[in-house]
Amino acid sequence: TIVGATLQLYGRNTGSSNYSGNLSVYPAASTTWAEAGSTGVTWNTRPAPGETALASSTITSSAARYYTWGVAGVAQKGLLSLAVAMPSVAGSPDEFNTREAISNPPQLVLTTQ
């Protein structure tokens, strides 16, 4: 039985020094997207985020580290799609490693009973 789940993304704030990026994690509205191929997800075909954020975290540091969001509320459903979203603010990009990164890839950490 899964009793806890945490999404961990390794990244940093690359925006201006006075910016704090507030990123929220949502359950994605669809789990039917494909990562690659002719039906692969793109910016225009990405699943919409759900209505309510599961968790939020503020990205303030230009030093890369893991940021975490608790997502236990949806972890029991089997197939899981998550959307990470931030408000659009000029000069405020955040960068995160993808699964193709040589080190520190995204992680979904599950705690079981």
PDB file of N, CA and C in Angstrom:
ATOM      1  N   THR A   1       0.833  -1.173   0.000  1.00  0.00           N
ATOM      2  CA  THR A   1       0.000   0.000   0.000  1.00  0.00           C
ATOM      3  C   THR A   1       0.882   1.242   0.000  1.00  0.00           C
ATOM      4  N   ILE A   2       0.616   2.162  -0.907  1.00  0.00           N
ATOM      5  CA  ILE A   2       1.365   3.412  -0.957  1.00  0.00           C
ATOM      6  C   ILE A   2       0.801   4.367   0.082  1.00  0.00           C
ATOM      7  N   VAL A   3       1.681   4.883   0.951  1.00  0.00           N
ATOM      8  CA  VAL A   3       1.242   5.817   1.991  1.00  0.00           C
ATOM      9  C   VAL A   3       1.807   7.219   1.781  1.00  0.00           C
ATOM     10  N   GLY A   4       2.723   7.368   0.844  1.00  0.00           N
ATOM     11  CA  GLY A   4       3.284   8.683   0.560  1.00  0.00           C
ATOM     12  C   GLY A   4       3.920   8.705  -0.812  1.00  0.00           C
ATOM     13  N   ALA A   5       3.908   9.868  -1.446  1.00  0.00           N
ATOM     14  CA  ALA A   5       4.553  10.039  -2.747  1.00  0.00           C
ATOM     15  C   ALA A   5       5.049  11.469  -2.858  1.00  0.00           C
ATOM     16  N   THR A   6       6.257  11.598  -3.367  1.00  0.00           N
ATOM     17  CA  THR A   6       6.873  12.905  -3.523  1.00  0.00           C
ATOM     18  C   THR A   6       7.496  13.002  -4.908  1.00  0.00           C
ATOM     19  N   LEU A   7       7.166  14.070  -5.638  1.00  0.00           N
ATOM     20  CA  LEU A   7       7.825  14.375  -6.901  1.00  0.00           C
ATOM     21  C   LEU A   7       9.055  15.210  -6.582  1.00  0.00           C
ATOM     22  N   GLN A   8      10.215  14.807  -7.122  1.00  0.00           N
ATOM     23  CA  GLN A   8      11.456  15.541  -6.897  1.00  0.00           C
ATOM     24  C   GLN A   8      12.031  15.945  -8.253  1.00  0.00           C
ATOM     25  N   LEU A   9      12.217  17.261  -8.437  1.00  0.00           N
ATOM     26  CA  LEU A   9      12.826  17.785  -9.651  1.00  0.00           C
ATOM     27  C   LEU A   9      14.084  18.560  -9.273  1.00  0.00           C
ATOM     28  N   TYR A  10      15.154  18.307 -10.012  1.00  0.00           N
ATOM     29  CA  TYR A  10      16.421  18.973  -9.758  1.00  0.00           C
ATOM     30  C   TYR A  10      16.516  20.184 -10.672  1.00  0.00           C
ATOM     31  N   GLY A  11      16.665  21.362 -10.075  1.00  0.00           N
ATOM     32  CA  GLY A  11      16.720  22.550 -10.911  1.00  0.00           C
ATOM     33  C   GLY A  11      17.107  23.783 -10.147  1.00  0.00           C
ATOM     34  N   ARG A  12      16.933  24.932 -10.817  1.00  0.00           N
ATOM     35  CA  ARG A  12      17.329  26.201 -10.228  1.00  0.00           C
ATOM     36  C   ARG A  12      16.561  27.338 -10.886  1.00  0.00           C
ATOM     37  N   ASN A  13      16.604  28.484 -10.234  1.00  0.00           N
ATOM     38  CA  ASN A  13      16.025  29.706 -10.756  1.00  0.00           C
ATOM     39  C   ASN A  13      17.095  30.376 -11.614  1.00  0.00           C
ATOM     40  N   THR A  14      16.783  30.638 -12.873  1.00  0.00           N
ATOM     41  CA  THR A  14      17.735  31.302 -13.759  1.00  0.00           C
ATOM     42  C   THR A  14      17.280  32.725 -14.083  1.00  0.00           C
ATOM     43  N   GLY A  15      16.269  33.198 -13.377  1.00  0.00           N
ATOM     44  CA  GLY A  15      15.742  34.538 -13.620  1.00  0.00           C
ATOM     45  C   GLY A  15      16.490  35.588 -12.834  1.00  0.00           C
ATOM     46  N   SER A  16      15.879  36.738 -12.734  1.00  0.00           N
ATOM     47  CA  SER A  16      16.500  37.848 -12.023  1.00  0.00           C
ATOM     48  C   SER A  16      16.631  37.526 -10.540  1.00  0.00           C
ATOM     49  N   SER A  17      17.544  38.191  -9.871  1.00  0.00           N
ATOM     50  CA  SER A  17      17.851  37.872  -8.475  1.00  0.00           C
ATOM     51  C   SER A  17      16.703  38.176  -7.520  1.00  0.00           C
ATOM     52  N   ASN A  18      15.775  39.029  -7.912  1.00  0.00           N
ATOM     53  CA  ASN A  18      14.666  39.353  -7.007  1.00  0.00           C
ATOM     54  C   ASN A  18      13.409  38.553  -7.309  1.00  0.00           C
ATOM     55  N   TYR A  19      13.504  37.561  -8.178  1.00  0.00           N
ATOM     56  CA  TYR A  19      12.345  36.761  -8.545  1.00  0.00           C
ATOM     57  C   TYR A  19      12.265  35.501  -7.701  1.00  0.00           C
ATOM     58  N   SER A  20      11.071  35.149  -7.299  1.00  0.00           N
ATOM     59  CA  SER A  20      10.810  33.864  -6.643  1.00  0.00           C
ATOM     60  C   SER A  20       9.757  33.146  -7.460  1.00  0.00           C
ATOM     61  N   GLY A  21      10.130  32.039  -8.069  1.00  0.00           N
ATOM     62  CA  GLY A  21       9.202  31.284  -8.904  1.00  0.00           C
ATOM     63  C   GLY A  21       8.364  30.343  -8.065  1.00  0.00           C
ATOM     64  N   ASN A  22       7.062  30.507  -8.107  1.00  0.00           N
ATOM     65  CA  ASN A  22       6.164  29.630  -7.368  1.00  0.00           C
ATOM     66  C   ASN A  22       5.629  28.580  -8.329  1.00  0.00           C
ATOM     67  N   LEU A  23       6.156  27.371  -8.260  1.00  0.00           N
ATOM     68  CA  LEU A  23       5.723  26.289  -9.128  1.00  0.00           C
ATOM     69  C   LEU A  23       4.744  25.408  -8.387  1.00  0.00           C
ATOM     70  N   SER A  24       3.690  25.045  -9.075  1.00  0.00           N
ATOM     71  CA  SER A  24       2.676  24.158  -8.502  1.00  0.00           C
ATOM     72  C   SER A  24       2.597  22.882  -9.321  1.00  0.00           C
ATOM     73  N   VAL A  25       2.292  21.783  -8.662  1.00  0.00           N
ATOM     74  CA  VAL A  25       2.110  20.496  -9.315  1.00  0.00           C
ATOM     75  C   VAL A  25       0.633  20.145  -9.264  1.00  0.00           C
ATOM     76  N   TYR A  26       0.105  19.793 -10.421  1.00  0.00           N
ATOM     77  CA  TYR A  26      -1.307  19.442 -10.574  1.00  0.00           C
ATOM     78  C   TYR A  26      -1.420  18.030 -11.126  1.00  0.00           C
ATOM     79  N   PRO A  27      -2.510  17.329 -10.837  1.00  0.00           N
ATOM     80  CA  PRO A  27      -2.758  16.113 -11.598  1.00  0.00           C
ATOM     81  C   PRO A  27      -3.102  16.558 -13.020  1.00  0.00           C
ATOM     82  N   ALA A  28      -2.547  15.896 -14.017  1.00  0.00           N
ATOM     83  CA  ALA A  28      -2.872  16.245 -15.404  1.00  0.00           C
ATOM     84  C   ALA A  28      -4.277  15.751 -15.719  1.00  0.00           C
ATOM     85  N   ALA A  29      -4.960  16.487 -16.563  1.00  0.00           N
ATOM     86  CA  ALA A  29      -6.346  16.151 -16.904  1.00  0.00           C
ATOM     87  C   ALA A  29      -6.444  14.866 -17.724  1.00  0.00           C
ATOM     88  N   SER A  30      -5.337  14.437 -18.334  1.00  0.00           N
ATOM     89  CA  SER A  30      -5.354  13.243 -19.180  1.00  0.00           C
ATOM     90  C   SER A  30      -4.109  12.409 -18.935  1.00  0.00           C
ATOM     91  N   THR A  31      -4.250  11.107 -19.041  1.00  0.00           N
ATOM     92  CA  THR A  31      -3.096  10.206 -18.959  1.00  0.00           C
ATOM     93  C   THR A  31      -2.893   9.477 -20.289  1.00  0.00           C
ATOM     94  N   THR A  32      -3.518   9.936 -21.352  1.00  0.00           N
ATOM     95  CA  THR A  32      -3.459   9.235 -22.636  1.00  0.00           C
ATOM     96  C   THR A  32      -2.416   9.796 -23.586  1.00  0.00           C
ATOM     97  N   TRP A  33      -1.583  10.719 -23.154  1.00  0.00           N
ATOM     98  CA  TRP A  33      -0.567  11.290 -24.022  1.00  0.00           C
ATOM     99  C   TRP A  33       0.607  10.328 -24.179  1.00  0.00           C
ATOM    100  N   ALA A  34       1.362  10.495 -25.253  1.00  0.00           N
ATOM    101  CA  ALA A  34       2.561   9.695 -25.504  1.00  0.00           C
ATOM    102  C   ALA A  34       3.773  10.615 -25.450  1.00  0.00           C
ATOM    103  N   GLU A  35       4.900  10.083 -24.980  1.00  0.00           N
ATOM    104  CA  GLU A  35       6.095  10.906 -24.868  1.00  0.00           C
ATOM    105  C   GLU A  35       6.743  11.158 -26.221  1.00  0.00           C
ATOM    106  N   ALA A  36       6.677  10.206 -27.117  1.00  0.00           N
ATOM    107  CA  ALA A  36       7.373  10.337 -28.400  1.00  0.00           C
ATOM    108  C   ALA A  36       6.518   9.760 -29.520  1.00  0.00           C
ATOM    109  N   GLY A  37       7.063   9.810 -30.717  1.00  0.00           N
ATOM    110  CA  GLY A  37       6.365   9.260 -31.870  1.00  0.00           C
ATOM    111  C   GLY A  37       5.427  10.270 -32.500  1.00  0.00           C
ATOM    112  N   SER A  38       4.637   9.800 -33.430  1.00  0.00           N
ATOM    113  CA  SER A  38       3.750  10.713 -34.174  1.00  0.00           C
ATOM    114  C   SER A  38       2.680  11.334 -33.291  1.00  0.00           C
ATOM    115  N   THR A  39       2.375  10.726 -32.146  1.00  0.00           N
ATOM    116  CA  THR A  39       1.391  11.299 -31.224  1.00  0.00           C
ATOM    117  C   THR A  39       2.054  11.848 -29.973  1.00  0.00           C
ATOM    118  N   GLY A  40       3.370  12.103 -30.046  1.00  0.00           N
ATOM    119  CA  GLY A  40       4.121  12.585 -28.889  1.00  0.00           C
ATOM    120  C   GLY A  40       3.647  13.944 -28.419  1.00  0.00           C
ATOM    121  N   VAL A  41       3.769  14.161 -27.127  1.00  0.00           N
ATOM    122  CA  VAL A  41       3.317  15.403 -26.526  1.00  0.00           C
ATOM    123  C   VAL A  41       4.213  16.567 -26.954  1.00  0.00           C
ATOM    124  N   THR A  42       3.585  17.684 -27.244  1.00  0.00           N
ATOM    125  CA  THR A  42       4.280  18.929 -27.572  1.00  0.00           C
ATOM    126  C   THR A  42       3.678  20.024 -26.691  1.00  0.00           C
ATOM    127  N   TRP A  43       4.225  21.227 -26.799  1.00  0.00           N
ATOM    128  CA  TRP A  43       3.659  22.355 -26.052  1.00  0.00           C
ATOM    129  C   TRP A  43       2.186  22.520 -26.393  1.00  0.00           C
ATOM    130  N   ASN A  44       1.830  22.355 -27.663  1.00  0.00           N
ATOM    131  CA  ASN A  44       0.449  22.560 -28.097  1.00  0.00           C
ATOM    132  C   ASN A  44      -0.483  21.405 -27.763  1.00  0.00           C
ATOM    133  N   THR A  45       0.066  20.215 -27.524  1.00  0.00           N
ATOM    134  CA  THR A  45      -0.788  19.051 -27.253  1.00  0.00           C
ATOM    135  C   THR A  45      -0.648  18.537 -25.825  1.00  0.00           C
ATOM    136  N   ARG A  46       0.055  19.272 -24.972  1.00  0.00           N
ATOM    137  CA  ARG A  46       0.277  18.825 -23.595  1.00  0.00           C
ATOM    138  C   ARG A  46      -1.055  18.720 -22.854  1.00  0.00           C
ATOM    139  N   PRO A  47      -1.149  17.781 -21.909  1.00  0.00           N
ATOM    140  CA  PRO A  47      -2.377  17.676 -21.117  1.00  0.00           C
ATOM    141  C   PRO A  47      -2.554  18.913 -20.241  1.00  0.00           C
ATOM    142  N   ALA A  48      -3.749  19.345 -20.086  1.00  0.00           N
ATOM    143  CA  ALA A  48      -4.044  20.494 -19.219  1.00  0.00           C
ATOM    144  C   ALA A  48      -3.871  20.092 -17.765  1.00  0.00           C
ATOM    145  N   PRO A  49      -3.434  21.037 -16.934  1.00  0.00           N
ATOM    146  CA  PRO A  49      -3.388  20.730 -15.502  1.00  0.00           C
ATOM    147  C   PRO A  49      -4.790  20.639 -14.934  1.00  0.00           C
ATOM    148  N   GLY A  50      -4.925  19.865 -13.866  1.00  0.00           N
ATOM    149  CA  GLY A  50      -6.214  19.756 -13.190  1.00  0.00           C
ATOM    150  C   GLY A  50      -6.591  21.067 -12.519  1.00  0.00           C
ATOM    151  N   GLU A  51      -7.738  21.072 -11.896  1.00  0.00           N
ATOM    152  CA  GLU A  51      -8.276  22.290 -11.279  1.00  0.00           C
ATOM    153  C   GLU A  51      -7.513  22.727 -10.031  1.00  0.00           C
ATOM    154  N   THR A  52      -7.090  21.775  -9.213  1.00  0.00           N
ATOM    155  CA  THR A  52      -6.526  22.098  -7.909  1.00  0.00           C
ATOM    156  C   THR A  52      -5.091  21.598  -7.801  1.00  0.00           C
ATOM    157  N   ALA A  53      -4.194  22.480  -7.383  1.00  0.00           N
ATOM    158  CA  ALA A  53      -2.797  22.099  -7.196  1.00  0.00           C
ATOM    159  C   ALA A  53      -2.668  21.107  -6.048  1.00  0.00           C
ATOM    160  N   LEU A  54      -1.800  20.131  -6.228  1.00  0.00           N
ATOM    161  CA  LEU A  54      -1.503  19.167  -5.167  1.00  0.00           C
ATOM    162  C   LEU A  54      -0.524  19.767  -4.166  1.00  0.00           C
ATOM    163  N   ALA A  55       0.414  20.569  -4.676  1.00  0.00           N
ATOM    164  CA  ALA A  55       1.440  21.175  -3.825  1.00  0.00           C
ATOM    165  C   ALA A  55       2.126  22.292  -4.597  1.00  0.00           C
ATOM    166  N   SER A  56       2.768  23.204  -3.854  1.00  0.00           N
ATOM    167  CA  SER A  56       3.517  24.300  -4.465  1.00  0.00           C
ATOM    168  C   SER A  56       4.861  24.428  -3.778  1.00  0.00           C
ATOM    169  N   SER A  57       5.825  24.982  -4.507  1.00  0.00           N
ATOM    170  CA  SER A  57       7.146  25.215  -3.955  1.00  0.00           C
ATOM    171  C   SER A  57       7.704  26.478  -4.597  1.00  0.00           C
ATOM    172  N   THR A  58       8.423  27.271  -3.835  1.00  0.00           N
ATOM    173  CA  THR A  58       9.011  28.490  -4.350  1.00  0.00           C
ATOM    174  C   THR A  58      10.459  28.239  -4.735  1.00  0.00           C
ATOM    175  N   ILE A  59      10.798  28.566  -5.969  1.00  0.00           N
ATOM    176  CA  ILE A  59      12.142  28.361  -6.489  1.00  0.00           C
ATOM    177  C   ILE A  59      12.861  29.709  -6.414  1.00  0.00           C
ATOM    178  N   THR A  60      13.779  29.853  -5.480  1.00  0.00           N
ATOM    179  CA  THR A  60      14.428  31.145  -5.267  1.00  0.00           C
ATOM    180  C   THR A  60      15.924  31.129  -5.523  1.00  0.00           C
ATOM    181  N   SER A  61      16.530  29.991  -5.537  1.00  0.00           N
ATOM    182  CA  SER A  61      17.987  29.921  -5.576  1.00  0.00           C
ATOM    183  C   SER A  61      18.513  29.680  -6.988  1.00  0.00           C
ATOM    184  N   SER A  62      19.630  30.335  -7.303  1.00  0.00           N
ATOM    185  CA  SER A  62      20.296  30.056  -8.570  1.00  0.00           C
ATOM    186  C   SER A  62      21.199  28.825  -8.455  1.00  0.00           C
ATOM    187  N   ALA A  63      21.367  28.300  -7.252  1.00  0.00           N
ATOM    188  CA  ALA A  63      22.130  27.069  -7.041  1.00  0.00           C
ATOM    189  C   ALA A  63      21.195  25.876  -7.261  1.00  0.00           C
ATOM    190  N   ALA A  64      21.587  24.964  -8.118  1.00  0.00           N
ATOM    191  CA  ALA A  64      20.740  23.812  -8.428  1.00  0.00           C
ATOM    192  C   ALA A  64      20.622  22.886  -7.223  1.00  0.00           C
ATOM    193  N   ARG A  65      19.414  22.355  -7.021  1.00  0.00           N
ATOM    194  CA  ARG A  65      19.140  21.386  -5.955  1.00  0.00           C
ATOM    195  C   ARG A  65      17.825  20.702  -6.275  1.00  0.00           C
ATOM    196  N   TYR A  66      17.495  19.665  -5.508  1.00  0.00           N
ATOM    197  CA  TYR A  66      16.194  19.021  -5.661  1.00  0.00           C
ATOM    198  C   TYR A  66      15.117  19.845  -4.967  1.00  0.00           C
ATOM    199  N   TYR A  67      14.008  20.043  -5.646  1.00  0.00           N
ATOM    200  CA  TYR A  67      12.800  20.634  -5.072  1.00  0.00           C
ATOM    201  C   TYR A  67      11.764  19.527  -5.007  1.00  0.00           C
ATOM    202  N   THR A  68      10.923  19.547  -3.981  1.00  0.00           N
ATOM    203  CA  THR A  68       9.973  18.451  -3.774  1.00  0.00           C
ATOM    204  C   THR A  68       8.548  18.964  -3.638  1.00  0.00           C
ATOM    205  N   TRP A  69       7.637  18.132  -4.106  1.00  0.00           N
ATOM    206  CA  TRP A  69       6.204  18.387  -3.991  1.00  0.00           C
ATOM    207  C   TRP A  69       5.527  17.096  -3.551  1.00  0.00           C
ATOM    208  N   GLY A  70       4.731  17.150  -2.502  1.00  0.00           N
ATOM    209  CA  GLY A  70       3.986  15.982  -2.056  1.00  0.00           C
ATOM    210  C   GLY A  70       2.820  15.714  -2.989  1.00  0.00           C
ATOM    211  N   VAL A  71       2.741  14.509  -3.519  1.00  0.00           N
ATOM    212  CA  VAL A  71       1.675  14.151  -4.453  1.00  0.00           C
ATOM    213  C   VAL A  71       0.952  12.875  -4.025  1.00  0.00           C
ATOM    214  N   ALA A  72       0.966  12.595  -2.734  1.00  0.00           N
ATOM    215  CA  ALA A  72       0.390  11.344  -2.221  1.00  0.00           C
ATOM    216  C   ALA A  72      -1.095  11.216  -2.522  1.00  0.00           C
ATOM    217  N   GLY A  73      -1.797  12.319  -2.643  1.00  0.00           N
ATOM    218  CA  GLY A  73      -3.244  12.275  -2.863  1.00  0.00           C
ATOM    219  C   GLY A  73      -3.675  11.595  -4.138  1.00  0.00           C
ATOM    220  N   VAL A  74      -2.780  11.479  -5.126  1.00  0.00           N
ATOM    221  CA  VAL A  74      -3.138  10.832  -6.387  1.00  0.00           C
ATOM    222  C   VAL A  74      -2.328   9.561  -6.649  1.00  0.00           C
ATOM    223  N   ALA A  75      -1.476   9.186  -5.729  1.00  0.00           N
ATOM    224  CA  ALA A  75      -0.552   8.077  -5.971  1.00  0.00           C
ATOM    225  C   ALA A  75      -1.224   6.708  -6.007  1.00  0.00           C
ATOM    226  N   GLN A  76      -2.411   6.557  -5.484  1.00  0.00           N
ATOM    227  CA  GLN A  76      -3.077   5.260  -5.439  1.00  0.00           C
ATOM    228  C   GLN A  76      -3.826   4.923  -6.724  1.00  0.00           C
ATOM    229  N   LYS A  77      -3.870   5.819  -7.691  1.00  0.00           N
ATOM    230  CA  LYS A  77      -4.720   5.649  -8.863  1.00  0.00           C
ATOM    231  C   LYS A  77      -4.095   4.830  -9.987  1.00  0.00           C
ATOM    232  N   GLY A  78      -2.879   4.342  -9.846  1.00  0.00           N
ATOM    233  CA  GLY A  78      -2.258   3.562 -10.906  1.00  0.00           C
ATOM    234  C   GLY A  78      -1.442   4.451 -11.820  1.00  0.00           C
ATOM    235  N   LEU A  79      -1.916   4.685 -13.031  1.00  0.00           N
ATOM    236  CA  LEU A  79      -1.223   5.538 -13.984  1.00  0.00           C
ATOM    237  C   LEU A  79      -1.320   6.985 -13.526  1.00  0.00           C
ATOM    238  N   LEU A  80      -0.186   7.666 -13.487  1.00  0.00           N
ATOM    239  CA  LEU A  80      -0.135   9.018 -12.923  1.00  0.00           C
ATOM    240  C   LEU A  80       0.498   9.972 -13.920  1.00  0.00           C
ATOM    241  N   SER A  81      -0.195  11.045 -14.241  1.00  0.00           N
ATOM    242  CA  SER A  81       0.366  12.140 -15.041  1.00  0.00           C
ATOM    243  C   SER A  81       0.288  13.403 -14.210  1.00  0.00           C
ATOM    244  N   LEU A  82       1.414  14.107 -14.156  1.00  0.00           N
ATOM    245  CA  LEU A  82       1.475  15.340 -13.385  1.00  0.00           C
ATOM    246  C   LEU A  82       1.837  16.492 -14.304  1.00  0.00           C
ATOM    247  N   ALA A  83       1.335  17.673 -13.987  1.00  0.00           N
ATOM    248  CA  ALA A  83       1.670  18.892 -14.719  1.00  0.00           C
ATOM    249  C   ALA A  83       2.302  19.864 -13.736  1.00  0.00           C
ATOM    250  N   VAL A  84       3.455  20.415 -14.107  1.00  0.00           N
ATOM    251  CA  VAL A  84       4.117  21.431 -13.298  1.00  0.00           C
ATOM    252  C   VAL A  84       3.868  22.767 -13.991  1.00  0.00           C
ATOM    253  N   ALA A  85       3.320  23.712 -13.266  1.00  0.00           N
ATOM    254  CA  ALA A  85       2.965  25.001 -13.867  1.00  0.00           C
ATOM    255  C   ALA A  85       3.418  26.142 -12.980  1.00  0.00           C
ATOM    256  N   MET A  86       3.738  27.249 -13.624  1.00  0.00           N
ATOM    257  CA  MET A  86       4.108  28.463 -12.909  1.00  0.00           C
ATOM    258  C   MET A  86       3.433  29.643 -13.575  1.00  0.00           C
ATOM    259  N   PRO A  87       3.219  30.712 -12.824  1.00  0.00           N
ATOM    260  CA  PRO A  87       2.655  31.911 -13.452  1.00  0.00           C
ATOM    261  C   PRO A  87       3.659  32.489 -14.443  1.00  0.00           C
ATOM    262  N   SER A  88       3.172  33.078 -15.507  1.00  0.00           N
ATOM    263  CA  SER A  88       4.051  33.708 -16.496  1.00  0.00           C
ATOM    264  C   SER A  88       4.496  35.074 -15.982  1.00  0.00           C
ATOM    265  N   VAL A  89       5.774  35.176 -15.705  1.00  0.00           N
ATOM    266  CA  VAL A  89       6.347  36.425 -15.222  1.00  0.00           C
ATOM    267  C   VAL A  89       7.601  36.692 -16.045  1.00  0.00           C
ATOM    268  N   ALA A  90       7.704  37.856 -16.638  1.00  0.00           N
ATOM    269  CA  ALA A  90       8.862  38.179 -17.477  1.00  0.00           C
ATOM    270  C   ALA A  90      10.155  38.059 -16.678  1.00  0.00           C
ATOM    271  N   GLY A  91      11.174  37.464 -17.288  1.00  0.00           N
ATOM    272  CA  GLY A  91      12.485  37.360 -16.661  1.00  0.00           C
ATOM    273  C   GLY A  91      12.556  36.373 -15.523  1.00  0.00           C
ATOM    274  N   SER A  92      11.710  35.362 -15.513  1.00  0.00           N
ATOM    275  CA  SER A  92      11.643  34.472 -14.368  1.00  0.00           C
ATOM    276  C   SER A  92      11.712  32.994 -14.720  1.00  0.00           C
ATOM    277  N   PRO A  93      12.596  32.593 -15.597  1.00  0.00           N
ATOM    278  CA  PRO A  93      12.612  31.176 -15.953  1.00  0.00           C
ATOM    279  C   PRO A  93      13.197  30.301 -14.847  1.00  0.00           C
ATOM    280  N   ASP A  94      12.679  29.107 -14.766  1.00  0.00           N
ATOM    281  CA  ASP A  94      13.231  28.073 -13.908  1.00  0.00           C
ATOM    282  C   ASP A  94      13.623  26.928 -14.822  1.00  0.00           C
ATOM    283  N   GLU A  95      14.713  26.250 -14.517  1.00  0.00           N
ATOM    284  CA  GLU A  95      15.187  25.131 -15.319  1.00  0.00           C
ATOM    285  C   GLU A  95      15.251  23.890 -14.456  1.00  0.00           C
ATOM    286  N   PHE A  96      14.819  22.753 -15.028  1.00  0.00           N
ATOM    287  CA  PHE A  96      14.856  21.477 -14.324  1.00  0.00           C
ATOM    288  C   PHE A  96      15.431  20.411 -15.228  1.00  0.00           C
ATOM    289  N   ASN A  97      16.167  19.467 -14.630  1.00  0.00           N
ATOM    290  CA  ASN A  97      16.697  18.342 -15.391  1.00  0.00           C
ATOM    291  C   ASN A  97      15.559  17.459 -15.882  1.00  0.00           C
ATOM    292  N   THR A  98      15.762  16.872 -17.054  1.00  0.00           N
ATOM    293  CA  THR A  98      14.818  15.902 -17.605  1.00  0.00           C
ATOM    294  C   THR A  98      15.324  14.495 -17.312  1.00  0.00           C
ATOM    295  N   ARG A  99      14.561  13.503 -17.696  1.00  0.00           N
ATOM    296  CA  ARG A  99      14.991  12.127 -17.452  1.00  0.00           C
ATOM    297  C   ARG A  99      16.230  11.753 -18.255  1.00  0.00           C
ATOM    298  N   GLU A 100      16.529  12.521 -19.303  1.00  0.00           N
ATOM    299  CA  GLU A 100      17.716  12.265 -20.104  1.00  0.00           C
ATOM    300  C   GLU A 100      18.998  12.819 -19.468  1.00  0.00           C
ATOM    301  N   ALA A 101      18.881  13.558 -18.393  1.00  0.00           N
ATOM    302  CA  ALA A 101      20.055  14.150 -17.734  1.00  0.00           C
ATOM    303  C   ALA A 101      21.005  13.056 -17.257  1.00  0.00           C
ATOM    304  N   ILE A 102      22.296  13.335 -17.351  1.00  0.00           N
ATOM    305  CA  ILE A 102      23.308  12.372 -16.908  1.00  0.00           C
ATOM    306  C   ILE A 102      23.231  12.145 -15.409  1.00  0.00           C
ATOM    307  N   SER A 103      22.908  13.187 -14.655  1.00  0.00           N
ATOM    308  CA  SER A 103      22.771  13.050 -13.207  1.00  0.00           C
ATOM    309  C   SER A 103      21.528  13.798 -12.741  1.00  0.00           C
ATOM    310  N   ASN A 104      21.052  13.446 -11.576  1.00  0.00           N
ATOM    311  CA  ASN A 104      19.918  14.107 -10.924  1.00  0.00           C
ATOM    312  C   ASN A 104      18.649  14.173 -11.789  1.00  0.00           C
ATOM    313  N   PRO A 105      18.167  13.038 -12.280  1.00  0.00           N
ATOM    314  CA  PRO A 105      16.928  13.042 -13.072  1.00  0.00           C
ATOM    315  C   PRO A 105      15.715  13.259 -12.165  1.00  0.00           C
ATOM    316  N   PRO A 106      14.560  13.539 -12.756  1.00  0.00           N
ATOM    317  CA  PRO A 106      13.334  13.629 -11.953  1.00  0.00           C
ATOM    318  C   PRO A 106      13.076  12.292 -11.248  1.00  0.00           C
ATOM    319  N   GLN A 107      12.443  12.373 -10.086  1.00  0.00           N
ATOM    320  CA  GLN A 107      12.155  11.162  -9.318  1.00  0.00           C
ATOM    321  C   GLN A 107      10.748  11.232  -8.748  1.00  0.00           C
ATOM    322  N   LEU A 108      10.089  10.107  -8.738  1.00  0.00           N
ATOM    323  CA  LEU A 108       8.839   9.951  -7.988  1.00  0.00           C
ATOM    324  C   LEU A 108       9.171   8.962  -6.882  1.00  0.00           C
ATOM    325  N   VAL A 109       9.231   9.461  -5.663  1.00  0.00           N
ATOM    326  CA  VAL A 109       9.629   8.646  -4.503  1.00  0.00           C
ATOM    327  C   VAL A 109       8.361   8.168  -3.807  1.00  0.00           C
ATOM    328  N   LEU A 110       8.207   6.867  -3.735  1.00  0.00           N
ATOM    329  CA  LEU A 110       7.021   6.278  -3.102  1.00  0.00           C
ATOM    330  C   LEU A 110       7.394   5.706  -1.747  1.00  0.00           C
ATOM    331  N   THR A 111       6.523   5.912  -0.771  1.00  0.00           N
ATOM    332  CA  THR A 111       6.671   5.321   0.549  1.00  0.00           C
ATOM    333  C   THR A 111       5.543   4.307   0.694  1.00  0.00           C
ATOM    334  N   THR A 112       5.918   3.077   1.046  1.00  0.00           N
ATOM    335  CA  THR A 112       4.909   2.029   1.184  1.00  0.00           C
ATOM    336  C   THR A 112       4.782   1.576   2.622  1.00  0.00           C
ATOM    337  N   GLN A 113       3.690   0.909   2.881  1.00  0.00           N
ATOM    338  CA  GLN A 113       3.414   0.403   4.226  1.00  0.00           C
ATOM    339  C   GLN A 113       3.623  -1.077   4.253  1.00  0.00           C
TER     340      GLN A 113
END
